[in-house]
Every structure is written in structure tokens, then in C-alpha cells.
Amino acid sequence: MIKNKKTPHVKHEIKLQSKSNIPTSA
């Protein structure tokens, strides 16, 4: 149950980290 609710949250966090990783790596 928790995994289902955490699935969208994790996806959002990954997208945020990916966006933050681009400038950080640059």
C-alpha cells in the first residue's frame, strides 16, 4: 500500500534530482 503511494513520490524526486544533477555536473 505504502509502495503504491511512494511510487509517484519517488518518480518526482528522481526527476528533481536529475534536473539538479545536470547543473551540478556541469
C-alpha atoms as a PDB file:
ATOM      1  CA  MET A   1       0.000   0.000   0.000  1.00  0.00           C
ATOM      2  CA  ILE A   2       2.733   2.423   1.003  1.00  0.00           C
ATOM      3  CA  LYS A   3       4.782   1.400  -2.038  1.00  0.00           C
ATOM      4  CA  ASN A   4       1.934   2.422  -4.324  1.00  0.00           C
ATOM      5  CA  LYS A   5       1.768   5.873  -2.750  1.00  0.00           C
ATOM      6  CA  LYS A   6       5.544   6.180  -2.691  1.00  0.00           C
ATOM      7  CA  THR A   7       5.878   5.258  -6.370  1.00  0.00           C
ATOM      8  CA  PRO A   8       4.784   8.699  -7.632  1.00  0.00           C
ATOM      9  CA  HIS A   9       6.794  10.451  -4.925  1.00  0.00           C
ATOM     10  CA  VAL A  10       9.981   8.599  -5.852  1.00  0.00           C
ATOM     11  CA  LYS A  11       9.440   9.374  -9.540  1.00  0.00           C
ATOM     12  CA  HIS A  12       9.075  13.052  -8.722  1.00  0.00           C
ATOM     13  CA  GLU A  13      12.189  13.028  -6.536  1.00  0.00           C
ATOM     14  CA  ILE A  14      14.210  11.296  -9.259  1.00  0.00           C
ATOM     15  CA  LYS A  15      13.106  13.924 -11.785  1.00  0.00           C
ATOM     16  CA  LEU A  16      14.063  16.686  -9.361  1.00  0.00           C
ATOM     17  CA  GLN A  17      17.444  15.108  -8.667  1.00  0.00           C
ATOM     18  CA  SER A  18      18.031  14.580 -12.393  1.00  0.00           C
ATOM     19  CA  LYS A  19      17.339  18.260 -13.049  1.00  0.00           C
ATOM     20  CA  SER A  20      19.552  19.294 -10.144  1.00  0.00           C
ATOM     21  CA  ASN A  21      22.218  16.854 -11.290  1.00  0.00           C
ATOM     22  CA  ILE A  22      22.513  18.481 -14.711  1.00  0.00           C
ATOM     23  CA  PRO A  23      23.699  21.879 -13.396  1.00  0.00           C
ATOM     24  CA  THR A  24      25.717  20.261 -10.610  1.00  0.00           C
ATOM     25  CA  SER A  25      27.590  18.065 -13.093  1.00  0.00           C
ATOM     26  CA  ALA A  26      28.049  20.974 -15.481  1.00  0.00           C
END
